[in-house]
Structures are given as structure tokens and as C-alpha cells.
Amino acid sequence: MPLSPKRVMHRKVQRGREKGNATRTNNIDFGDIALVAMEPTWLDAKVIEAARIAINRKLDRKGKVWIRVFPDKPVSKKPAEVRMGKGAPDHWAAVIKPGTILFEVGGVDIALAEKALELASSKLPVTTKIAFKPVKD
């Protein structure tokens, strides 16, 4: 089952604006290598789950994977040929800004982790890049 909040304060929310770069979740805090979004979008909970499964299968369930985004925005849909207005909540989405870290991987070989993140990137509807944790001297 895809990710979704247990409880929400409001059943429906306004759409908001896709403006600006990420100011939070833009540092590699947990793993050694990360997948970074390069454009703004809403990531559906099903898409996040598909990418997570792809990473875990490639890593053969070794190492650790951190999901840095959570779908907390209800997206509403209307049935066909219905009057104007906002429809009922249909699915959940995560609001992604450029520079947001989507996944982090640690505890495995860097080359394998990079291949796993490339595979996850192909599942996502957004352009991404792979970032490495800076080496401390």
C-alpha cells in the first residue's frame, strides 16, 4: 500500500505554487549517495513506492534506504461530466522543489548504490541527478 498520512487537519487543500528551490531536505544527512530532483513537481505516492521497490530489489535488500519525501498533499479528482467545483480526494502527492533529496542510500558499494538510484530515476516523472556525500579530510 502506498504512503499516506494517518490523519490530516483538512481533507482538501489548495494547489499552491511551484516556485523557488528547496530550502529543506537538500543536504545528504543519512546515507552516502542521494537522488536529487532537478525540477518542481508533485510526486504521487505510487511513484515513490515504485522507486523504493526498484532500489531495494537492485540492492538485494542490503544496506539502508532512506525515503526523504512523504506524500502529504491530498489531490482531488472529479468524475466525468460533473458540475464545477472541487472533487473528492483521489490520491496523495509529495510537493517537490528543485534540489529536494528524494532517496538516500548507505551501507553498500557506491557503484551498486549508483546503479540502484539510476533505476529508481527511470521510474520517476522528473529529471534527477545523483549526488555524493562530500569527503571530509
N, C-alpha and C. Protein backbone atom coordinates (compact mmCIF):
# COMPACT_ATOMS: atom_id res chain seq x y z
N MET A 1 0.84 -1.19 0.00
CA MET A 1 0.00 0.00 0.00
C MET A 1 0.88 1.25 0.00
N PRO A 2 0.60 2.22 -0.87
CA PRO A 2 1.43 3.43 -0.92
C PRO A 2 1.36 4.25 0.36
N LEU A 3 2.33 5.13 0.52
CA LEU A 3 2.38 6.01 1.69
C LEU A 3 1.19 6.96 1.71
N SER A 4 0.67 7.23 2.91
CA SER A 4 -0.37 8.25 3.09
C SER A 4 -0.41 8.63 4.56
N PRO A 5 -0.85 9.86 4.87
CA PRO A 5 -0.91 10.28 6.27
C PRO A 5 -2.00 9.51 7.03
N LYS A 6 -1.78 9.31 8.32
CA LYS A 6 -2.80 8.67 9.14
C LYS A 6 -3.99 9.61 9.37
N ARG A 7 -3.67 10.86 9.68
CA ARG A 7 -4.71 11.85 9.93
C ARG A 7 -4.28 13.16 9.28
N VAL A 8 -5.27 13.98 8.86
CA VAL A 8 -4.97 15.30 8.33
C VAL A 8 -5.92 16.31 8.95
N MET A 9 -5.45 17.54 9.03
CA MET A 9 -6.29 18.58 9.60
C MET A 9 -7.40 18.98 8.63
N HIS A 10 -7.04 19.07 7.33
CA HIS A 10 -8.02 19.45 6.31
C HIS A 10 -8.07 18.38 5.23
N ARG A 11 -9.29 18.00 4.85
CA ARG A 11 -9.49 16.94 3.87
C ARG A 11 -9.03 17.34 2.48
N LYS A 12 -9.23 18.61 2.12
CA LYS A 12 -8.79 19.14 0.82
C LYS A 12 -7.90 20.35 1.07
N VAL A 13 -6.91 20.55 0.21
CA VAL A 13 -6.02 21.70 0.35
C VAL A 13 -5.92 22.44 -0.98
N GLN A 14 -5.48 23.70 -0.92
CA GLN A 14 -5.30 24.46 -2.15
C GLN A 14 -4.06 23.99 -2.88
N ARG A 15 -4.00 24.31 -4.17
CA ARG A 15 -2.94 23.77 -5.02
C ARG A 15 -1.56 24.33 -4.71
N GLY A 16 -1.45 25.61 -4.37
CA GLY A 16 -0.15 26.21 -4.11
C GLY A 16 0.56 26.57 -5.41
N ARG A 17 1.83 27.01 -5.30
CA ARG A 17 2.61 27.41 -6.47
C ARG A 17 3.91 26.64 -6.52
N GLU A 18 4.34 26.31 -7.74
CA GLU A 18 5.62 25.60 -7.94
C GLU A 18 6.71 26.65 -8.13
N LYS A 19 7.10 27.30 -7.05
CA LYS A 19 8.05 28.39 -7.17
C LYS A 19 9.23 28.19 -6.24
N GLY A 20 10.43 28.51 -6.69
CA GLY A 20 11.60 28.51 -5.83
C GLY A 20 12.27 27.15 -5.70
N ASN A 21 13.44 27.18 -5.07
CA ASN A 21 14.23 25.97 -4.85
C ASN A 21 14.01 25.44 -3.44
N ALA A 22 14.40 24.20 -3.21
CA ALA A 22 14.24 23.58 -1.90
C ALA A 22 15.17 24.25 -0.89
N THR A 23 14.64 24.58 0.27
CA THR A 23 15.45 25.14 1.35
C THR A 23 15.61 24.13 2.48
N ARG A 24 14.82 23.08 2.46
CA ARG A 24 14.97 21.98 3.41
C ARG A 24 15.04 20.67 2.63
N THR A 25 15.42 19.61 3.26
CA THR A 25 15.70 18.31 2.60
C THR A 25 16.58 18.48 1.37
N ASN A 26 17.61 19.31 1.48
CA ASN A 26 18.52 19.49 0.35
C ASN A 26 19.97 19.18 0.73
N ASN A 27 20.18 18.50 1.86
CA ASN A 27 21.52 18.05 2.26
C ASN A 27 21.49 16.54 2.46
N ILE A 28 22.59 15.88 2.15
CA ILE A 28 22.69 14.44 2.39
C ILE A 28 23.00 14.26 3.87
N ASP A 29 22.01 13.80 4.64
CA ASP A 29 22.15 13.71 6.09
C ASP A 29 22.36 12.29 6.60
N PHE A 30 21.90 11.28 5.86
CA PHE A 30 21.90 9.92 6.39
C PHE A 30 22.82 8.97 5.62
N GLY A 31 22.68 8.90 4.30
CA GLY A 31 23.44 7.95 3.50
C GLY A 31 24.70 8.54 2.91
N ASP A 32 25.26 7.80 1.92
CA ASP A 32 26.49 8.23 1.24
C ASP A 32 26.21 8.79 -0.14
N ILE A 33 25.07 8.44 -0.72
CA ILE A 33 24.72 8.83 -2.09
C ILE A 33 23.22 9.11 -2.11
N ALA A 34 22.80 10.08 -2.94
CA ALA A 34 21.40 10.51 -2.92
C ALA A 34 20.88 10.80 -4.32
N LEU A 35 19.57 10.73 -4.47
CA LEU A 35 18.88 11.08 -5.71
C LEU A 35 18.21 12.43 -5.49
N VAL A 36 18.55 13.41 -6.33
CA VAL A 36 18.09 14.79 -6.15
C VAL A 36 17.19 15.19 -7.31
N ALA A 37 16.03 15.77 -7.01
CA ALA A 37 15.11 16.25 -8.04
C ALA A 37 15.64 17.56 -8.61
N MET A 38 15.50 17.74 -9.94
CA MET A 38 16.02 18.94 -10.59
C MET A 38 14.92 19.88 -11.09
N GLU A 39 13.65 19.49 -10.95
CA GLU A 39 12.55 20.33 -11.38
C GLU A 39 11.37 20.16 -10.44
N PRO A 40 10.47 21.16 -10.39
CA PRO A 40 9.34 21.07 -9.47
C PRO A 40 8.27 20.14 -10.01
N THR A 41 7.62 19.41 -9.09
CA THR A 41 6.54 18.51 -9.48
C THR A 41 5.79 18.05 -8.24
N TRP A 42 4.70 17.34 -8.46
CA TRP A 42 4.03 16.59 -7.39
C TRP A 42 4.32 15.13 -7.65
N LEU A 43 4.93 14.45 -6.69
CA LEU A 43 5.20 13.02 -6.83
C LEU A 43 4.09 12.23 -6.17
N ASP A 44 3.42 11.42 -6.96
CA ASP A 44 2.35 10.55 -6.49
C ASP A 44 2.93 9.50 -5.53
N ALA A 45 2.15 9.09 -4.54
CA ALA A 45 2.60 8.08 -3.58
C ALA A 45 2.96 6.77 -4.27
N LYS A 46 2.23 6.42 -5.34
CA LYS A 46 2.51 5.17 -6.06
C LYS A 46 3.87 5.23 -6.75
N VAL A 47 4.24 6.40 -7.25
CA VAL A 47 5.52 6.57 -7.94
C VAL A 47 6.67 6.46 -6.94
N ILE A 48 6.50 7.05 -5.77
CA ILE A 48 7.53 6.96 -4.72
C ILE A 48 7.73 5.50 -4.32
N GLU A 49 6.62 4.78 -4.18
CA GLU A 49 6.68 3.36 -3.80
C GLU A 49 7.37 2.53 -4.89
N ALA A 50 7.07 2.83 -6.15
CA ALA A 50 7.69 2.09 -7.26
C ALA A 50 9.20 2.30 -7.27
N ALA A 51 9.64 3.54 -7.03
CA ALA A 51 11.07 3.84 -6.99
C ALA A 51 11.74 3.14 -5.81
N ARG A 52 11.06 3.13 -4.66
CA ARG A 52 11.61 2.46 -3.47
C ARG A 52 11.80 0.97 -3.72
N ILE A 53 10.81 0.34 -4.33
CA ILE A 53 10.89 -1.10 -4.62
C ILE A 53 12.03 -1.37 -5.59
N ALA A 54 12.20 -0.52 -6.60
CA ALA A 54 13.28 -0.68 -7.58
C ALA A 54 14.65 -0.61 -6.89
N ILE A 55 14.82 0.34 -5.97
CA ILE A 55 16.09 0.48 -5.25
C ILE A 55 16.35 -0.77 -4.41
N ASN A 56 15.35 -1.21 -3.64
CA ASN A 56 15.53 -2.36 -2.75
C ASN A 56 15.84 -3.64 -3.53
N ARG A 57 15.22 -3.80 -4.69
CA ARG A 57 15.49 -5.00 -5.48
C ARG A 57 16.89 -4.99 -6.05
N LYS A 58 17.35 -3.82 -6.49
CA LYS A 58 18.70 -3.71 -7.05
C LYS A 58 19.76 -3.94 -5.97
N LEU A 59 19.49 -3.44 -4.77
CA LEU A 59 20.44 -3.59 -3.67
C LEU A 59 20.34 -4.97 -3.03
N ASP A 60 19.40 -5.79 -3.48
CA ASP A 60 19.18 -7.12 -2.92
C ASP A 60 18.92 -7.04 -1.42
N ARG A 61 18.26 -5.98 -0.99
CA ARG A 61 17.87 -5.70 0.39
C ARG A 61 19.07 -5.61 1.34
N LYS A 62 20.23 -5.21 0.80
CA LYS A 62 21.40 -4.95 1.64
C LYS A 62 21.50 -3.44 1.82
N GLY A 63 22.27 -3.01 2.80
CA GLY A 63 22.42 -1.59 3.04
C GLY A 63 21.15 -0.98 3.60
N LYS A 64 21.03 0.33 3.50
CA LYS A 64 19.86 1.03 4.03
C LYS A 64 19.42 2.09 3.03
N VAL A 65 18.09 2.24 2.92
CA VAL A 65 17.50 3.24 2.03
C VAL A 65 16.66 4.18 2.87
N TRP A 66 16.87 5.48 2.68
CA TRP A 66 16.07 6.49 3.36
C TRP A 66 15.20 7.18 2.32
N ILE A 67 13.89 7.24 2.58
CA ILE A 67 12.96 7.99 1.73
C ILE A 67 12.83 9.37 2.37
N ARG A 68 13.26 10.41 1.67
CA ARG A 68 13.29 11.75 2.26
C ARG A 68 12.06 12.59 1.95
N VAL A 69 11.10 12.03 1.18
CA VAL A 69 9.88 12.77 0.86
C VAL A 69 8.68 11.96 1.35
N PHE A 70 7.61 12.66 1.69
CA PHE A 70 6.39 12.00 2.15
C PHE A 70 5.18 12.64 1.47
N PRO A 71 4.29 11.84 0.89
CA PRO A 71 3.11 12.40 0.22
C PRO A 71 2.05 12.84 1.22
N ASP A 72 2.01 14.15 1.51
CA ASP A 72 1.07 14.66 2.49
C ASP A 72 0.06 15.64 1.89
N LYS A 73 0.03 15.78 0.58
CA LYS A 73 -0.90 16.69 -0.08
C LYS A 73 -2.01 15.88 -0.74
N PRO A 74 -3.28 16.06 -0.31
CA PRO A 74 -4.37 15.35 -0.97
C PRO A 74 -4.66 15.97 -2.33
N VAL A 75 -4.71 15.14 -3.36
CA VAL A 75 -5.02 15.61 -4.71
C VAL A 75 -6.43 15.13 -5.03
N SER A 76 -7.29 16.06 -5.42
CA SER A 76 -8.69 15.70 -5.66
C SER A 76 -8.94 15.50 -7.15
N LYS A 77 -9.89 14.66 -7.46
CA LYS A 77 -10.29 14.39 -8.85
C LYS A 77 -11.80 14.41 -8.92
N LYS A 78 -12.33 14.80 -10.07
CA LYS A 78 -13.78 14.81 -10.28
C LYS A 78 -14.17 13.72 -11.27
N PRO A 79 -15.34 13.14 -11.10
CA PRO A 79 -15.82 12.20 -12.11
C PRO A 79 -16.11 12.93 -13.42
N ALA A 80 -16.23 12.18 -14.50
CA ALA A 80 -16.51 12.78 -15.81
C ALA A 80 -17.93 13.37 -15.83
N GLU A 81 -18.08 14.48 -16.56
CA GLU A 81 -19.36 15.14 -16.80
C GLU A 81 -20.09 15.50 -15.50
N VAL A 82 -19.37 16.20 -14.62
CA VAL A 82 -19.93 16.64 -13.35
C VAL A 82 -19.76 18.15 -13.29
N ARG A 83 -20.65 18.83 -12.56
CA ARG A 83 -20.59 20.29 -12.46
C ARG A 83 -19.31 20.79 -11.81
N MET A 84 -19.11 22.12 -11.95
CA MET A 84 -17.89 22.75 -11.45
C MET A 84 -17.78 22.59 -9.93
N GLY A 85 -16.53 22.60 -9.46
CA GLY A 85 -16.27 22.51 -8.03
C GLY A 85 -15.10 21.57 -7.81
N LYS A 86 -14.71 21.45 -6.56
CA LYS A 86 -13.58 20.57 -6.24
C LYS A 86 -14.10 19.17 -5.94
N GLY A 87 -13.45 18.17 -6.51
CA GLY A 87 -13.86 16.79 -6.32
C GLY A 87 -13.37 16.21 -5.01
N ALA A 88 -13.67 14.95 -4.80
CA ALA A 88 -13.25 14.24 -3.60
C ALA A 88 -11.75 13.90 -3.70
N PRO A 89 -11.06 13.78 -2.57
CA PRO A 89 -9.65 13.39 -2.60
C PRO A 89 -9.47 12.05 -3.29
N ASP A 90 -8.49 12.01 -4.21
CA ASP A 90 -8.27 10.83 -5.03
C ASP A 90 -6.99 10.08 -4.63
N HIS A 91 -5.89 10.83 -4.45
CA HIS A 91 -4.63 10.21 -4.05
C HIS A 91 -3.79 11.25 -3.32
N TRP A 92 -2.63 10.82 -2.83
CA TRP A 92 -1.73 11.69 -2.09
C TRP A 92 -0.47 11.96 -2.91
N ALA A 93 0.06 13.17 -2.77
CA ALA A 93 1.26 13.56 -3.50
C ALA A 93 2.22 14.30 -2.58
N ALA A 94 3.51 14.21 -2.92
CA ALA A 94 4.55 14.97 -2.22
C ALA A 94 4.93 16.16 -3.09
N VAL A 95 4.99 17.34 -2.51
CA VAL A 95 5.38 18.54 -3.24
C VAL A 95 6.90 18.57 -3.32
N ILE A 96 7.43 18.56 -4.55
CA ILE A 96 8.87 18.50 -4.78
C ILE A 96 9.33 19.80 -5.42
N LYS A 97 10.38 20.39 -4.86
CA LYS A 97 11.00 21.57 -5.45
C LYS A 97 12.39 21.20 -5.95
N PRO A 98 12.96 21.97 -6.87
CA PRO A 98 14.31 21.66 -7.36
C PRO A 98 15.32 21.65 -6.21
N GLY A 99 16.14 20.61 -6.16
CA GLY A 99 17.14 20.48 -5.10
C GLY A 99 16.71 19.57 -3.96
N THR A 100 15.46 19.10 -3.97
CA THR A 100 14.98 18.21 -2.92
C THR A 100 15.60 16.83 -3.07
N ILE A 101 16.10 16.29 -1.97
CA ILE A 101 16.63 14.93 -1.98
C ILE A 101 15.46 13.97 -1.81
N LEU A 102 15.34 13.03 -2.75
CA LEU A 102 14.23 12.09 -2.74
C LEU A 102 14.58 10.81 -1.98
N PHE A 103 15.74 10.23 -2.30
CA PHE A 103 16.18 8.99 -1.66
C PHE A 103 17.65 9.10 -1.30
N GLU A 104 18.03 8.44 -0.20
CA GLU A 104 19.43 8.31 0.17
C GLU A 104 19.74 6.83 0.38
N VAL A 105 20.95 6.43 0.01
CA VAL A 105 21.36 5.04 0.16
C VAL A 105 22.70 5.01 0.88
N GLY A 106 22.86 4.06 1.80
CA GLY A 106 24.11 3.91 2.53
C GLY A 106 24.35 2.46 2.89
N GLY A 107 25.59 2.15 3.24
CA GLY A 107 25.92 0.82 3.71
C GLY A 107 26.19 -0.20 2.61
N VAL A 108 26.28 0.26 1.35
CA VAL A 108 26.62 -0.65 0.25
C VAL A 108 27.68 0.01 -0.63
N ASP A 109 28.22 -0.75 -1.57
CA ASP A 109 29.21 -0.25 -2.52
C ASP A 109 28.62 0.93 -3.31
N ILE A 110 29.40 1.98 -3.49
CA ILE A 110 28.93 3.19 -4.17
C ILE A 110 28.46 2.90 -5.60
N ALA A 111 29.16 2.03 -6.31
CA ALA A 111 28.80 1.71 -7.70
C ALA A 111 27.43 1.03 -7.76
N LEU A 112 27.18 0.12 -6.82
CA LEU A 112 25.89 -0.57 -6.77
C LEU A 112 24.77 0.41 -6.39
N ALA A 113 25.05 1.29 -5.43
CA ALA A 113 24.07 2.28 -5.00
C ALA A 113 23.73 3.23 -6.15
N GLU A 114 24.74 3.60 -6.93
CA GLU A 114 24.53 4.49 -8.07
C GLU A 114 23.63 3.83 -9.12
N LYS A 115 23.86 2.54 -9.38
CA LYS A 115 23.01 1.81 -10.33
C LYS A 115 21.57 1.73 -9.83
N ALA A 116 21.41 1.51 -8.53
CA ALA A 116 20.07 1.42 -7.94
C ALA A 116 19.33 2.75 -8.06
N LEU A 117 20.04 3.85 -7.83
CA LEU A 117 19.40 5.17 -7.93
C LEU A 117 19.08 5.53 -9.37
N GLU A 118 19.92 5.08 -10.32
CA GLU A 118 19.61 5.29 -11.74
C GLU A 118 18.34 4.55 -12.14
N LEU A 119 18.18 3.34 -11.61
CA LEU A 119 16.98 2.55 -11.86
C LEU A 119 15.75 3.24 -11.28
N ALA A 120 15.88 3.77 -10.06
CA ALA A 120 14.77 4.49 -9.43
C ALA A 120 14.44 5.76 -10.20
N SER A 121 15.46 6.41 -10.74
CA SER A 121 15.26 7.63 -11.51
C SER A 121 14.40 7.39 -12.74
N SER A 122 14.55 6.19 -13.34
CA SER A 122 13.76 5.87 -14.53
C SER A 122 12.28 5.68 -14.20
N LYS A 123 11.97 5.45 -12.93
CA LYS A 123 10.58 5.28 -12.51
C LYS A 123 9.90 6.62 -12.22
N LEU A 124 10.69 7.68 -12.10
CA LEU A 124 10.15 8.98 -11.68
C LEU A 124 9.83 9.88 -12.87
N PRO A 125 8.77 10.68 -12.78
CA PRO A 125 8.40 11.58 -13.87
C PRO A 125 9.11 12.93 -13.80
N VAL A 126 10.29 12.97 -13.24
CA VAL A 126 11.01 14.22 -13.04
C VAL A 126 12.49 13.96 -13.33
N THR A 127 13.18 14.99 -13.87
CA THR A 127 14.61 14.83 -14.10
C THR A 127 15.34 14.87 -12.76
N THR A 128 16.32 13.98 -12.61
CA THR A 128 17.05 13.88 -11.35
C THR A 128 18.54 13.82 -11.62
N LYS A 129 19.31 13.98 -10.55
CA LYS A 129 20.75 13.75 -10.62
C LYS A 129 21.16 12.98 -9.38
N ILE A 130 22.33 12.37 -9.46
CA ILE A 130 22.85 11.61 -8.32
C ILE A 130 23.92 12.46 -7.65
N ALA A 131 23.80 12.63 -6.34
CA ALA A 131 24.74 13.43 -5.56
C ALA A 131 25.46 12.54 -4.56
N PHE A 132 26.73 12.84 -4.31
CA PHE A 132 27.54 12.07 -3.38
C PHE A 132 27.84 12.92 -2.16
N LYS A 133 27.97 12.26 -1.01
CA LYS A 133 28.31 12.97 0.22
C LYS A 133 29.75 13.47 0.10
N PRO A 134 30.02 14.74 0.44
CA PRO A 134 31.39 15.24 0.35
C PRO A 134 32.34 14.50 1.29
N VAL A 135 33.54 14.23 0.80
CA VAL A 135 34.54 13.52 1.60
C VAL A 135 35.21 14.51 2.56
N LYS A 136 35.28 14.13 3.84
CA LYS A 136 35.92 15.01 4.83
C LYS A 136 37.39 14.65 4.93
N ASP A 137 38.25 15.66 4.93
CA ASP A 137 39.71 15.44 5.01
C ASP A 137 40.18 15.45 6.44
